[in-house]
Amino acid sequence: MSSLHKTKEMKSSGGFSSALLHWYDKYGRADLPWQKERTPYRVWVSEIMLQQTRVGTVIPFYERFIAAMPNIEALAEAPEDKILHLWTGLGYYTRARNLHRSAQTICNEYAGQFPKDLDRLQALPGIGRSTAGAILSLSMDGRAPILDGNVKRVLARYHNIEGWPGQKLISEQLWKLAEIHTPKVRVADYTQAIMDLGATCCKRIKPSCSICPVQRECQARIEARQDELPSRKP
């Protein structure tokens, strides 16, 4: 059976998302600081910080940042130097500058409220499609897929997708799969579940396949190709 045909079956049965949600209810992470009060602002800051940075590294920076900038108005009004000082140690300082610019835009053009439209969110500095989807799904009850590094790895392995995810055709294929698997209910939990699965189980090196909730259908596991996927950049 082809991966595409199998995906269509799962679309109707909800097998993939159901398995992940069941796993998440038992083993998912629920004590991260940005999960305690899920607002668009807090989710957004965490998502930007987590780009190219590990969760364990982000937590103390996030807590310090939120203590100093508790809401989007405070961030928009703060001088850039203060924001960069709070960011010191995280690296990739363009992320901090984009946070500042986006906060000002949201306050000036949207009265301090995050737009609930995916395209408008993506138009903000530093917010790509996956980050916009995370904001919508995790804090605004919207149904929008995400495709961060963890999700790419899970889907590439599960569907045995060859090719570097940075390539347009591969990226489009993964986005289609992400859309298919995203359920219509419990979207926030599912979004967190698939990120958690990639971070704690379907790891880049030595994945814990024996405890994976979707191991039976995972094509990479069946063909013993876990270490090969996702494909590396040429």
C-alpha atoms as a PDB file:
ATOM      1  CA  MET A   1       0.000   0.000   0.000  1.00  0.00           C
ATOM      2  CA  SER A   2       1.390   3.399  -0.939  1.00  0.00           C
ATOM      3  CA  SER A   3       2.001   6.067   1.679  1.00  0.00           C
ATOM      4  CA  LEU A   4      -0.435   8.393  -0.093  1.00  0.00           C
ATOM      5  CA  HIS A   5      -3.220   5.795  -0.133  1.00  0.00           C
ATOM      6  CA  LYS A   6      -2.518   5.020   3.476  1.00  0.00           C
ATOM      7  CA  THR A   7      -2.685   8.710   4.356  1.00  0.00           C
ATOM      8  CA  LYS A   8      -6.128   8.995   2.738  1.00  0.00           C
ATOM      9  CA  GLU A   9      -7.342   6.130   4.850  1.00  0.00           C
ATOM     10  CA  MET A  10      -6.006   7.726   7.983  1.00  0.00           C
ATOM     11  CA  LYS A  11      -7.658  10.996   7.063  1.00  0.00           C
ATOM     12  CA  SER A  12     -11.048   9.382   7.456  1.00  0.00           C
ATOM     13  CA  SER A  13     -10.193   7.223  10.441  1.00  0.00           C
ATOM     14  CA  GLY A  14      -8.176   9.776  12.337  1.00  0.00           C
ATOM     15  CA  GLY A  15      -5.864   6.957  13.395  1.00  0.00           C
ATOM     16  CA  PHE A  16      -2.680   9.008  13.454  1.00  0.00           C
ATOM     17  CA  SER A  17      -4.084  11.974  15.371  1.00  0.00           C
ATOM     18  CA  SER A  18      -6.058   9.736  17.731  1.00  0.00           C
ATOM     19  CA  ALA A  19      -2.950   7.744  18.589  1.00  0.00           C
ATOM     20  CA  LEU A  20      -0.967  10.900  19.224  1.00  0.00           C
ATOM     21  CA  LEU A  21      -3.671  12.430  21.414  1.00  0.00           C
ATOM     22  CA  HIS A  22      -3.964   9.240  23.447  1.00  0.00           C
ATOM     23  CA  TRP A  23      -0.182   9.236  23.916  1.00  0.00           C
ATOM     24  CA  TYR A  24      -0.153  12.939  24.758  1.00  0.00           C
ATOM     25  CA  ASP A  25      -2.752  12.498  27.500  1.00  0.00           C
ATOM     26  CA  LYS A  26      -0.378  10.105  29.235  1.00  0.00           C
ATOM     27  CA  TYR A  27       3.107  11.270  28.334  1.00  0.00           C
ATOM     28  CA  GLY A  28       2.929  14.728  26.785  1.00  0.00           C
ATOM     29  CA  ARG A  29       4.668  17.722  28.314  1.00  0.00           C
ATOM     30  CA  ALA A  30       2.267  19.904  30.279  1.00  0.00           C
ATOM     31  CA  ASP A  31       4.534  21.842  32.637  1.00  0.00           C
ATOM     32  CA  LEU A  32       6.418  24.113  30.243  1.00  0.00           C
ATOM     33  CA  PRO A  33       6.134  27.781  31.297  1.00  0.00           C
ATOM     34  CA  TRP A  34       4.357  28.876  28.107  1.00  0.00           C
ATOM     35  CA  GLN A  35       1.724  26.176  28.632  1.00  0.00           C
ATOM     36  CA  LYS A  36       0.556  27.509  31.989  1.00  0.00           C
ATOM     37  CA  GLU A  37      -1.226  30.502  30.506  1.00  0.00           C
ATOM     38  CA  ARG A  38      -1.714  30.042  26.795  1.00  0.00           C
ATOM     39  CA  THR A  39      -2.189  33.452  25.298  1.00  0.00           C
ATOM     40  CA  PRO A  40      -1.196  34.381  21.737  1.00  0.00           C
ATOM     41  CA  TYR A  41       1.537  36.617  23.128  1.00  0.00           C
ATOM     42  CA  ARG A  42       3.111  33.964  25.348  1.00  0.00           C
ATOM     43  CA  VAL A  43       2.892  31.270  22.678  1.00  0.00           C
ATOM     44  CA  TRP A  44       4.392  33.622  20.093  1.00  0.00           C
ATOM     45  CA  VAL A  45       7.362  34.559  22.277  1.00  0.00           C
ATOM     46  CA  SER A  46       8.041  30.898  23.072  1.00  0.00           C
ATOM     47  CA  GLU A  47       7.803  29.844  19.421  1.00  0.00           C
ATOM     48  CA  ILE A  48      10.263  32.516  18.329  1.00  0.00           C
ATOM     49  CA  MET A  49      12.689  31.586  21.096  1.00  0.00           C
ATOM     50  CA  LEU A  50      12.424  27.899  20.269  1.00  0.00           C
ATOM     51  CA  GLN A  51      13.519  28.451  16.689  1.00  0.00           C
ATOM     52  CA  GLN A  52      16.940  26.786  16.460  1.00  0.00           C
ATOM     53  CA  THR A  53      17.165  26.632  20.277  1.00  0.00           C
ATOM     54  CA  ARG A  54      16.501  23.713  22.633  1.00  0.00           C
ATOM     55  CA  VAL A  55      13.681  23.789  25.184  1.00  0.00           C
ATOM     56  CA  GLY A  56      16.014  23.426  28.165  1.00  0.00           C
ATOM     57  CA  THR A  57      17.998  26.440  27.023  1.00  0.00           C
ATOM     58  CA  VAL A  58      14.921  28.545  26.306  1.00  0.00           C
ATOM     59  CA  ILE A  59      13.065  28.130  29.617  1.00  0.00           C
ATOM     60  CA  PRO A  60      15.146  30.517  31.813  1.00  0.00           C
ATOM     61  CA  PHE A  61      15.345  33.097  29.015  1.00  0.00           C
ATOM     62  CA  TYR A  62      11.609  32.884  28.455  1.00  0.00           C
ATOM     63  CA  GLU A  63      10.781  33.318  32.120  1.00  0.00           C
ATOM     64  CA  ARG A  64      13.087  36.320  32.408  1.00  0.00           C
ATOM     65  CA  PHE A  65      11.712  37.861  29.221  1.00  0.00           C
ATOM     66  CA  ILE A  66       8.062  37.468  30.235  1.00  0.00           C
ATOM     67  CA  ALA A  67       8.772  38.881  33.689  1.00  0.00           C
ATOM     68  CA  ALA A  68      10.207  42.014  32.070  1.00  0.00           C
ATOM     69  CA  MET A  69       7.748  42.131  29.136  1.00  0.00           C
ATOM     70  CA  PRO A  70       4.490  40.638  30.463  1.00  0.00           C
ATOM     71  CA  ASN A  71       2.348  41.707  27.516  1.00  0.00           C
ATOM     72  CA  ILE A  72       2.602  42.898  23.952  1.00  0.00           C
ATOM     73  CA  GLU A  73       2.148  46.549  24.899  1.00  0.00           C
ATOM     74  CA  ALA A  74       5.181  46.419  27.164  1.00  0.00           C
ATOM     75  CA  LEU A  75       7.210  44.824  24.383  1.00  0.00           C
ATOM     76  CA  ALA A  76       6.091  47.354  21.792  1.00  0.00           C
ATOM     77  CA  GLU A  77       6.973  50.299  24.025  1.00  0.00           C
ATOM     78  CA  ALA A  78      10.332  48.977  25.241  1.00  0.00           C
ATOM     79  CA  PRO A  79      13.569  50.338  23.761  1.00  0.00           C
ATOM     80  CA  GLU A  80      15.334  47.897  21.463  1.00  0.00           C
ATOM     81  CA  ASP A  81      18.438  47.897  23.641  1.00  0.00           C
ATOM     82  CA  LYS A  82      16.465  46.478  26.554  1.00  0.00           C
ATOM     83  CA  ILE A  83      14.999  43.734  24.390  1.00  0.00           C
ATOM     84  CA  LEU A  84      18.405  42.774  23.031  1.00  0.00           C
ATOM     85  CA  HIS A  85      19.821  42.735  26.558  1.00  0.00           C
ATOM     86  CA  LEU A  86      17.112  40.271  27.635  1.00  0.00           C
ATOM     87  CA  TRP A  87      17.937  38.202  24.552  1.00  0.00           C
ATOM     88  CA  THR A  88      21.665  38.056  25.306  1.00  0.00           C
ATOM     89  CA  GLY A  89      22.803  34.440  25.233  1.00  0.00           C
ATOM     90  CA  LEU A  90      20.063  33.144  22.917  1.00  0.00           C
ATOM     91  CA  GLY A  91      21.751  34.262  19.720  1.00  0.00           C
ATOM     92  CA  TYR A  92      20.144  34.922  16.336  1.00  0.00           C
ATOM     93  CA  TYR A  93      19.307  38.467  17.399  1.00  0.00           C
ATOM     94  CA  THR A  94      17.206  39.116  14.316  1.00  0.00           C
ATOM     95  CA  ARG A  95      14.522  37.129  16.133  1.00  0.00           C
ATOM     96  CA  ALA A  96      14.456  39.704  18.932  1.00  0.00           C
ATOM     97  CA  ARG A  97      14.324  42.641  16.519  1.00  0.00           C
ATOM     98  CA  ASN A  98      11.465  41.006  14.621  1.00  0.00           C
ATOM     99  CA  LEU A  99       9.604  40.443  17.889  1.00  0.00           C
ATOM    100  CA  HIS A 100       9.876  44.148  18.605  1.00  0.00           C
ATOM    101  CA  ARG A 101       8.746  45.174  15.123  1.00  0.00           C
ATOM    102  CA  SER A 102       5.822  42.750  15.138  1.00  0.00           C
ATOM    103  CA  ALA A 103       4.704  43.910  18.580  1.00  0.00           C
ATOM    104  CA  GLN A 104       4.638  47.504  17.369  1.00  0.00           C
ATOM    105  CA  THR A 105       2.680  46.526  14.259  1.00  0.00           C
ATOM    106  CA  ILE A 106       0.129  44.541  16.277  1.00  0.00           C
ATOM    107  CA  CYS A 107      -0.357  47.429  18.698  1.00  0.00           C
ATOM    108  CA  ASN A 108      -0.538  50.089  15.989  1.00  0.00           C
ATOM    109  CA  GLU A 109      -2.582  48.245  13.376  1.00  0.00           C
ATOM    110  CA  TYR A 110      -4.565  45.671  15.351  1.00  0.00           C
ATOM    111  CA  ALA A 111      -5.168  47.466  18.657  1.00  0.00           C
ATOM    112  CA  GLY A 112      -2.877  45.038  20.475  1.00  0.00           C
ATOM    113  CA  GLN A 113      -4.802  41.942  19.368  1.00  0.00           C
ATOM    114  CA  PHE A 114      -3.186  39.214  17.302  1.00  0.00           C
ATOM    115  CA  PRO A 115      -4.939  38.793  13.945  1.00  0.00           C
ATOM    116  CA  LYS A 116      -6.820  35.515  13.673  1.00  0.00           C
ATOM    117  CA  ASP A 117      -6.088  35.229   9.978  1.00  0.00           C
ATOM    118  CA  LEU A 118      -3.182  33.018   8.926  1.00  0.00           C
ATOM    119  CA  ASP A 119      -2.091  35.298   6.091  1.00  0.00           C
ATOM    120  CA  ARG A 120      -2.055  38.394   8.293  1.00  0.00           C
ATOM    121  CA  LEU A 121      -0.054  36.594  10.945  1.00  0.00           C
ATOM    122  CA  GLN A 122       2.460  35.441   8.341  1.00  0.00           C
ATOM    123  CA  ALA A 123       2.826  38.999   7.110  1.00  0.00           C
ATOM    124  CA  LEU A 124       4.287  40.052  10.462  1.00  0.00           C
ATOM    125  CA  PRO A 125       8.105  40.194  10.743  1.00  0.00           C
ATOM    126  CA  GLY A 126       9.646  36.901  11.783  1.00  0.00           C
ATOM    127  CA  ILE A 127       6.409  34.896  11.688  1.00  0.00           C
ATOM    128  CA  GLY A 128       6.436  32.139   9.100  1.00  0.00           C
ATOM    129  CA  ARG A 129       3.713  29.674   8.237  1.00  0.00           C
ATOM    130  CA  SER A 130       4.570  27.202  10.983  1.00  0.00           C
ATOM    131  CA  THR A 131       4.835  29.846  13.709  1.00  0.00           C
ATOM    132  CA  ALA A 132       1.551  31.379  12.572  1.00  0.00           C
ATOM    133  CA  GLY A 133      -0.049  27.935  12.713  1.00  0.00           C
ATOM    134  CA  ALA A 134       1.283  27.366  16.223  1.00  0.00           C
ATOM    135  CA  ILE A 135      -0.125  30.688  17.437  1.00  0.00           C
ATOM    136  CA  LEU A 136      -3.529  29.967  15.923  1.00  0.00           C
ATOM    137  CA  SER A 137      -3.774  26.351  17.056  1.00  0.00           C
ATOM    138  CA  LEU A 138      -2.213  26.594  20.509  1.00  0.00           C
ATOM    139  CA  SER A 139      -3.829  29.788  21.747  1.00  0.00           C
ATOM    140  CA  MET A 140      -6.691  30.843  19.455  1.00  0.00           C
ATOM    141  CA  ASP A 141      -8.684  27.635  18.847  1.00  0.00           C
ATOM    142  CA  GLY A 142      -7.854  27.766  15.157  1.00  0.00           C
ATOM    143  CA  ARG A 143      -7.202  24.752  12.957  1.00  0.00           C
ATOM    144  CA  ALA A 144      -3.844  25.309  11.316  1.00  0.00           C
ATOM    145  CA  PRO A 145      -1.042  22.797  10.712  1.00  0.00           C
ATOM    146  CA  ILE A 146       2.521  23.374  11.825  1.00  0.00           C
ATOM    147  CA  LEU A 147       5.767  22.080  10.369  1.00  0.00           C
ATOM    148  CA  ASP A 148       8.700  22.774  12.647  1.00  0.00           C
ATOM    149  CA  GLY A 149      11.793  20.580  12.731  1.00  0.00           C
ATOM    150  CA  ASN A 150      10.232  18.011  15.042  1.00  0.00           C
ATOM    151  CA  VAL A 151       7.100  17.658  12.942  1.00  0.00           C
ATOM    152  CA  LYS A 152       9.101  17.351   9.720  1.00  0.00           C
ATOM    153  CA  ARG A 153      11.056  14.494  11.266  1.00  0.00           C
ATOM    154  CA  VAL A 154       7.947  12.651  12.472  1.00  0.00           C
ATOM    155  CA  LEU A 155       6.132  12.945   9.151  1.00  0.00           C
ATOM    156  CA  ALA A 156       9.173  12.184   6.999  1.00  0.00           C
ATOM    157  CA  ARG A 157       9.773   8.976   8.929  1.00  0.00           C
ATOM    158  CA  TYR A 158       6.156   7.947   9.271  1.00  0.00           C
ATOM    159  CA  HIS A 159       5.521   8.334   5.537  1.00  0.00           C
ATOM    160  CA  ASN A 160       9.017   7.376   4.385  1.00  0.00           C
ATOM    161  CA  ILE A 161       9.527  10.706   2.619  1.00  0.00           C
ATOM    162  CA  GLU A 162      12.916  10.898   0.942  1.00  0.00           C
ATOM    163  CA  GLY A 163      14.601  14.182   0.139  1.00  0.00           C
ATOM    164  CA  TRP A 164      15.804  17.188   2.088  1.00  0.00           C
ATOM    165  CA  PRO A 165      12.813  19.005   3.694  1.00  0.00           C
ATOM    166  CA  GLY A 166      14.309  22.314   2.617  1.00  0.00           C
ATOM    167  CA  GLN A 167      13.543  21.487  -1.009  1.00  0.00           C
ATOM    168  CA  LYS A 168      10.314  23.007  -2.285  1.00  0.00           C
ATOM    169  CA  LEU A 169       8.707  19.784  -3.488  1.00  0.00           C
ATOM    170  CA  ILE A 170       9.528  17.925  -0.282  1.00  0.00           C
ATOM    171  CA  SER A 171       8.338  20.827   1.844  1.00  0.00           C
ATOM    172  CA  GLU A 172       5.049  20.988  -0.049  1.00  0.00           C
ATOM    173  CA  GLN A 173       4.547  17.268   0.401  1.00  0.00           C
ATOM    174  CA  LEU A 174       5.152  17.518   4.143  1.00  0.00           C
ATOM    175  CA  TRP A 175       2.794  20.485   4.433  1.00  0.00           C
ATOM    176  CA  LYS A 176       0.045  18.468   2.724  1.00  0.00           C
ATOM    177  CA  LEU A 177       0.576  15.618   5.169  1.00  0.00           C
ATOM    178  CA  ALA A 178       0.591  18.024   8.116  1.00  0.00           C
ATOM    179  CA  GLU A 179      -2.731  19.437   6.910  1.00  0.00           C
ATOM    180  CA  ILE A 180      -4.251  15.973   6.463  1.00  0.00           C
ATOM    181  CA  HIS A 181      -3.291  14.785   9.932  1.00  0.00           C
ATOM    182  CA  THR A 182      -4.345  17.908  11.835  1.00  0.00           C
ATOM    183  CA  PRO A 183      -7.723  17.045  13.407  1.00  0.00           C
ATOM    184  CA  LYS A 184     -10.760  19.282  13.679  1.00  0.00           C
ATOM    185  CA  VAL A 185     -11.017  18.832  17.445  1.00  0.00           C
ATOM    186  CA  ARG A 186      -8.411  19.199  20.181  1.00  0.00           C
ATOM    187  CA  VAL A 187      -6.140  20.970  17.724  1.00  0.00           C
ATOM    188  CA  ALA A 188      -4.073  22.612  20.470  1.00  0.00           C
ATOM    189  CA  ASP A 189      -3.417  19.264  22.140  1.00  0.00           C
ATOM    190  CA  TYR A 190      -2.598  17.595  18.832  1.00  0.00           C
ATOM    191  CA  THR A 191      -0.186  20.371  17.889  1.00  0.00           C
ATOM    192  CA  GLN A 192       1.608  20.020  21.199  1.00  0.00           C
ATOM    193  CA  ALA A 193       1.501  16.241  20.903  1.00  0.00           C
ATOM    194  CA  ILE A 194       3.255  16.013  17.554  1.00  0.00           C
ATOM    195  CA  MET A 195       5.908  18.506  18.694  1.00  0.00           C
ATOM    196  CA  ASP A 196       6.423  16.512  21.891  1.00  0.00           C
ATOM    197  CA  LEU A 197       6.638  13.245  19.982  1.00  0.00           C
ATOM    198  CA  GLY A 198       9.442  14.610  17.845  1.00  0.00           C
ATOM    199  CA  ALA A 199      11.262  16.156  20.779  1.00  0.00           C
ATOM    200  CA  THR A 200      11.065  13.264  23.239  1.00  0.00           C
ATOM    201  CA  CYS A 201      10.465  10.080  21.235  1.00  0.00           C
ATOM    202  CA  CYS A 202      11.110  10.471  17.498  1.00  0.00           C
ATOM    203  CA  LYS A 203      14.461  12.084  18.176  1.00  0.00           C
ATOM    204  CA  ARG A 204      16.992  12.869  15.485  1.00  0.00           C
ATOM    205  CA  ILE A 205      19.507  10.397  16.927  1.00  0.00           C
ATOM    206  CA  LYS A 206      18.492   7.079  18.494  1.00  0.00           C
ATOM    207  CA  PRO A 207      14.690   7.503  18.331  1.00  0.00           C
ATOM    208  CA  SER A 208      12.718   5.555  20.938  1.00  0.00           C
ATOM    209  CA  CYS A 209      10.656   3.592  18.434  1.00  0.00           C
ATOM    210  CA  SER A 210       9.644   0.916  20.933  1.00  0.00           C
ATOM    211  CA  ILE A 211       7.475   3.393  22.853  1.00  0.00           C
ATOM    212  CA  CYS A 212       6.216   5.397  19.880  1.00  0.00           C
ATOM    213  CA  PRO A 213       2.389   5.465  19.626  1.00  0.00           C
ATOM    214  CA  VAL A 214       2.476   5.166  15.815  1.00  0.00           C
ATOM    215  CA  GLN A 215       5.325   2.674  15.487  1.00  0.00           C
ATOM    216  CA  ARG A 216       3.227  -0.050  13.855  1.00  0.00           C
ATOM    217  CA  GLU A 217       2.453   2.082  10.809  1.00  0.00           C
ATOM    218  CA  CYS A 218       5.733   4.014  10.648  1.00  0.00           C
ATOM    219  CA  GLN A 219       7.280   3.210   7.287  1.00  0.00           C
ATOM    220  CA  ALA A 220      10.795   4.220   8.326  1.00  0.00           C
ATOM    221  CA  ARG A 221      10.670   1.832  11.290  1.00  0.00           C
ATOM    222  CA  ILE A 222       9.276  -0.967   9.140  1.00  0.00           C
ATOM    223  CA  GLU A 223      12.112  -0.529   6.647  1.00  0.00           C
ATOM    224  CA  ALA A 224      14.721   0.258   9.323  1.00  0.00           C
ATOM    225  CA  ARG A 225      15.421   3.686   7.831  1.00  0.00           C
ATOM    226  CA  GLN A 226      14.982   5.855  10.894  1.00  0.00           C
ATOM    227  CA  ASP A 227      18.573   7.072  10.838  1.00  0.00           C
ATOM    228  CA  GLU A 228      18.316   8.014   7.152  1.00  0.00           C
ATOM    229  CA  LEU A 229      15.251  10.232   7.435  1.00  0.00           C
ATOM    230  CA  PRO A 230      14.696  13.094   7.110  1.00  0.00           C
ATOM    231  CA  SER A 231      17.288  13.285   4.355  1.00  0.00           C
ATOM    232  CA  ARG A 232      20.161  15.654   4.975  1.00  0.00           C
ATOM    233  CA  LYS A 233      20.842  18.761   2.931  1.00  0.00           C
ATOM    234  CA  PRO A 234      22.726  17.848  -0.267  1.00  0.00           C
END
